[in-house]
C-alpha atoms as a PDB file:
ATOM      1  CA  MET A   1       0.000   0.000   0.000  1.00  0.00           C
ATOM      2  CA  THR A   2       1.385   3.378  -0.950  1.00  0.00           C
ATOM      3  CA  ALA A   3       1.785   6.358   1.385  1.00  0.00           C
ATOM      4  CA  GLN A   4      -0.754   8.286  -0.672  1.00  0.00           C
ATOM      5  CA  THR A   5      -3.343   5.509  -0.211  1.00  0.00           C
ATOM      6  CA  LEU A   6      -2.714   5.476   3.552  1.00  0.00           C
ATOM      7  CA  ILE A   7      -3.187   9.251   3.735  1.00  0.00           C
ATOM      8  CA  LYS A   8      -6.460   9.051   1.792  1.00  0.00           C
ATOM      9  CA  ARG A   9      -7.771   6.282   4.072  1.00  0.00           C
ATOM     10  CA  ALA A  10      -6.792   8.219   7.207  1.00  0.00           C
ATOM     11  CA  ALA A  11      -8.482  11.364   5.900  1.00  0.00           C
ATOM     12  CA  LEU A  12     -11.641   9.400   5.060  1.00  0.00           C
ATOM     13  CA  ALA A  13     -11.692   7.780   8.521  1.00  0.00           C
ATOM     14  CA  GLY A  14     -11.296  11.183  10.186  1.00  0.00           C
ATOM     15  CA  LEU A  15     -14.065  12.703   8.109  1.00  0.00           C
ATOM     16  CA  THR A  16     -16.368   9.778   8.902  1.00  0.00           C
ATOM     17  CA  ALA A  17     -15.715  10.141  12.645  1.00  0.00           C
ATOM     18  CA  LEU A  18     -16.284  13.898  12.523  1.00  0.00           C
ATOM     19  CA  THR A  19     -19.570  13.422  10.673  1.00  0.00           C
ATOM     20  CA  ALA A  20     -20.755  10.866  13.245  1.00  0.00           C
ATOM     21  CA  VAL A  21     -19.994  13.227  16.137  1.00  0.00           C
ATOM     22  CA  ALA A  22     -21.761  16.104  14.404  1.00  0.00           C
ATOM     23  CA  MET A  23     -24.880  13.977  13.946  1.00  0.00           C
ATOM     24  CA  ILE A  24     -25.272  13.128  17.661  1.00  0.00           C
ATOM     25  CA  ALA A  25     -23.995  16.311  19.284  1.00  0.00           C
ATOM     26  CA  PRO A  26     -26.491  18.996  20.311  1.00  0.00           C
ATOM     27  CA  THR A  27     -26.658  21.820  17.831  1.00  0.00           C
ATOM     28  CA  GLY A  28     -27.379  25.509  18.017  1.00  0.00           C
ATOM     29  CA  VAL A  29     -30.185  27.139  16.087  1.00  0.00           C
ATOM     30  CA  ALA A  30     -30.493  30.732  14.882  1.00  0.00           C
ATOM     31  CA  ALA A  31     -31.889  32.816  17.741  1.00  0.00           C
ATOM     32  CA  LYS A  32     -32.891  36.386  18.559  1.00  0.00           C
ATOM     33  CA  ASP A  33     -30.392  38.590  20.390  1.00  0.00           C
ATOM     34  CA  GLY A  34     -29.632  37.127  23.802  1.00  0.00           C
ATOM     35  CA  GLU A  35     -31.465  33.847  23.184  1.00  0.00           C
ATOM     36  CA  ILE A  36     -29.709  30.514  23.423  1.00  0.00           C
ATOM     37  CA  ILE A  37     -31.238  27.540  21.579  1.00  0.00           C
ATOM     38  CA  ARG A  38     -29.910  23.990  21.620  1.00  0.00           C
ATOM     39  CA  THR A  39     -31.448  20.992  19.863  1.00  0.00           C
ATOM     40  CA  GLY A  40     -30.675  17.307  19.649  1.00  0.00           C
ATOM     41  CA  ALA A  41     -31.927  13.776  19.197  1.00  0.00           C
ATOM     42  CA  CYS A  42     -33.377  11.617  21.936  1.00  0.00           C
ATOM     43  CA  THR A  43     -32.601   7.923  22.413  1.00  0.00           C
ATOM     44  CA  ASN A  44     -35.278   6.791  19.959  1.00  0.00           C
ATOM     45  CA  ARG A  45     -37.235   8.752  17.320  1.00  0.00           C
ATOM     46  CA  SER A  46     -37.906  11.982  19.219  1.00  0.00           C
ATOM     47  CA  ASP A  47     -36.066  15.318  19.234  1.00  0.00           C
ATOM     48  CA  TRP A  48     -35.588  17.918  21.976  1.00  0.00           C
ATOM     49  CA  LYS A  49     -35.138  21.696  22.034  1.00  0.00           C
ATOM     50  CA  LEU A  50     -33.989  23.833  24.959  1.00  0.00           C
ATOM     51  CA  LYS A  51     -34.402  27.593  24.603  1.00  0.00           C
ATOM     52  CA  LEU A  52     -33.178  30.202  27.118  1.00  0.00           C
ATOM     53  CA  SER A  53     -34.284  33.846  26.794  1.00  0.00           C
ATOM     54  CA  PRO A  54     -33.659  36.913  28.945  1.00  0.00           C
ATOM     55  CA  GLU A  55     -37.038  38.120  30.277  1.00  0.00           C
ATOM     56  CA  ASN A  56     -37.197  41.291  32.422  1.00  0.00           C
ATOM     57  CA  GLY A  57     -34.252  40.302  34.634  1.00  0.00           C
ATOM     58  CA  ARG A  58     -35.254  36.634  34.717  1.00  0.00           C
ATOM     59  CA  ILE A  59     -34.686  33.708  32.365  1.00  0.00           C
ATOM     60  CA  GLU A  60     -37.492  32.152  30.340  1.00  0.00           C
ATOM     61  CA  VAL A  61     -36.793  28.447  29.866  1.00  0.00           C
ATOM     62  CA  GLN A  62     -38.585  26.408  27.201  1.00  0.00           C
ATOM     63  CA  PHE A  63     -37.935  22.668  27.011  1.00  0.00           C
ATOM     64  CA  GLU A  64     -39.742  20.928  24.155  1.00  0.00           C
ATOM     65  CA  VAL A  65     -39.915  17.305  23.049  1.00  0.00           C
ATOM     66  CA  ASP A  66     -41.240  16.454  19.593  1.00  0.00           C
ATOM     67  CA  THR A  67     -42.211  12.839  19.010  1.00  0.00           C
ATOM     68  CA  PRO A  68     -44.306  11.171  16.305  1.00  0.00           C
ATOM     69  CA  ARG A  69     -47.051  10.041  18.746  1.00  0.00           C
ATOM     70  CA  VAL A  70     -49.871  11.982  20.390  1.00  0.00           C
ATOM     71  CA  GLY A  71     -50.950  11.056  23.941  1.00  0.00           C
ATOM     72  CA  GLN A  72     -47.618   9.865  25.305  1.00  0.00           C
ATOM     73  CA  VAL A  73     -46.886  10.750  28.934  1.00  0.00           C
ATOM     74  CA  TRP A  74     -43.389  11.957  29.821  1.00  0.00           C
ATOM     75  CA  ARG A  75     -41.789  12.551  33.234  1.00  0.00           C
ATOM     76  CA  VAL A  76     -40.004  15.900  32.951  1.00  0.00           C
ATOM     77  CA  ARG A  77     -37.319  17.444  35.136  1.00  0.00           C
ATOM     78  CA  LEU A  78     -35.573  20.779  34.797  1.00  0.00           C
ATOM     79  CA  PHE A  79     -32.333  21.641  36.579  1.00  0.00           C
ATOM     80  CA  GLN A  80     -30.728  25.066  37.017  1.00  0.00           C
ATOM     81  CA  ASN A  81     -27.053  24.982  37.985  1.00  0.00           C
ATOM     82  CA  GLY A  82     -27.509  21.369  39.119  1.00  0.00           C
ATOM     83  CA  ASN A  83     -30.536  22.077  41.329  1.00  0.00           C
ATOM     84  CA  LEU A  84     -33.934  20.568  40.526  1.00  0.00           C
ATOM     85  CA  THR A  85     -36.313  23.461  39.731  1.00  0.00           C
ATOM     86  CA  PHE A  86     -39.209  21.613  38.071  1.00  0.00           C
ATOM     87  CA  GLN A  87     -40.553  18.079  38.242  1.00  0.00           C
ATOM     88  CA  GLY A  88     -43.792  16.893  36.688  1.00  0.00           C
ATOM     89  CA  THR A  89     -45.401  15.139  33.738  1.00  0.00           C
ATOM     90  CA  ARG A  90     -46.362  16.349  30.296  1.00  0.00           C
ATOM     91  CA  THR A  91     -48.447  14.643  27.601  1.00  0.00           C
ATOM     92  CA  THR A  92     -47.752  15.001  23.890  1.00  0.00           C
ATOM     93  CA  GLN A  93     -50.509  16.909  22.104  1.00  0.00           C
ATOM     94  CA  ALA A  94     -52.001  16.974  18.612  1.00  0.00           C
ATOM     95  CA  PRO A  95     -51.295  17.747  15.878  1.00  0.00           C
ATOM     96  CA  SER A  96     -47.515  17.276  16.056  1.00  0.00           C
ATOM     97  CA  GLY A  97     -47.086  14.952  19.018  1.00  0.00           C
ATOM     98  CA  SER A  98     -45.041  17.356  21.103  1.00  0.00           C
ATOM     99  CA  PHE A  99     -45.075  18.967  24.522  1.00  0.00           C
ATOM    100  CA  GLU A 100     -43.466  22.115  25.836  1.00  0.00           C
ATOM    101  CA  LEU A 101     -42.487  23.108  29.350  1.00  0.00           C
ATOM    102  CA  ARG A 102     -42.226  26.884  29.776  1.00  0.00           C
ATOM    103  CA  VAL A 103     -41.088  28.447  33.075  1.00  0.00           C
ATOM    104  CA  LEU A 104     -39.472  31.655  34.341  1.00  0.00           C
ATOM    105  CA  ARG A 105     -36.430  31.266  36.589  1.00  0.00           C
ATOM    106  CA  SER A 106     -34.232  33.682  38.486  1.00  0.00           C
ATOM    107  CA  ASN A 107     -31.114  34.981  36.780  1.00  0.00           C
ATOM    108  CA  THR A 108     -28.340  34.180  39.256  1.00  0.00           C
ATOM    109  CA  ALA A 109     -24.917  35.841  39.292  1.00  0.00           C
ATOM    110  CA  GLY A 110     -22.657  34.526  36.523  1.00  0.00           C
ATOM    111  CA  THR A 111     -23.581  31.849  34.023  1.00  0.00           C
ATOM    112  CA  ASP A 112     -26.789  29.860  34.486  1.00  0.00           C
ATOM    113  CA  THR A 113     -26.758  26.312  33.142  1.00  0.00           C
ATOM    114  CA  PHE A 114     -30.061  24.546  32.537  1.00  0.00           C
ATOM    115  CA  ARG A 115     -30.571  20.849  31.865  1.00  0.00           C
ATOM    116  CA  GLY A 116     -33.888  19.407  30.735  1.00  0.00           C
ATOM    117  CA  ARG A 117     -34.566  15.678  30.999  1.00  0.00           C
ATOM    118  CA  ALA A 118     -37.699  13.827  29.900  1.00  0.00           C
ATOM    119  CA  ILE A 119     -38.454  10.101  30.075  1.00  0.00           C
ATOM    120  CA  ASN A 120     -41.297   8.524  28.116  1.00  0.00           C
ATOM    121  CA  LEU A 121     -43.248   6.530  30.717  1.00  0.00           C
ATOM    122  CA  THR A 122     -44.404   3.985  28.109  1.00  0.00           C
ATOM    123  CA  THR A 123     -41.314   3.383  25.961  1.00  0.00           C
ATOM    124  CA  GLY A 124     -38.503   4.461  28.273  1.00  0.00           C
ATOM    125  CA  GLU A 125     -37.068   6.815  25.643  1.00  0.00           C
ATOM    126  CA  VAL A 126     -34.888   9.547  27.168  1.00  0.00           C
ATOM    127  CA  CYS A 127     -34.485  13.127  25.957  1.00  0.00           C
ATOM    128  CA  GLN A 128     -31.850  15.266  27.606  1.00  0.00           C
ATOM    129  CA  GLY A 129     -30.395  18.632  26.696  1.00  0.00           C
ATOM    130  CA  GLN A 130     -28.305  21.353  28.269  1.00  0.00           C
ATOM    131  CA  ALA A 131     -27.726  25.042  27.580  1.00  0.00           C
ATOM    132  CA  SER A 132     -26.085  27.970  29.377  1.00  0.00           C
ATOM    133  CA  ILE A 133     -26.798  31.675  29.355  1.00  0.00           C
END
């Protein structure tokens, strides 16, 4: 095998690995000034979105799960800086099969990191995302 062939194979392997990481890593979405939006895939067929927005000295947090089925019940938890700030259930609604949790939280000194976690109580699918503002 020639050196040129080895270089081409190494480059292809690196590109393949980079593509795989990009597919599973949370991504950012275009947002208004000051907003932070992260999206990603859940463990099955669903997707999540976590949006943080400044709101009159507080932080508006929106955690959404979009799944192809209406009527599914999810256990939802929201953490701010590692502390549990919301715990409850949400049910996916028509027409899209999604739910959204929307809450206002205090804006603490420094960076606030939020983590949303939802578990489908029927299938066990897990959706989890994190964002900082």
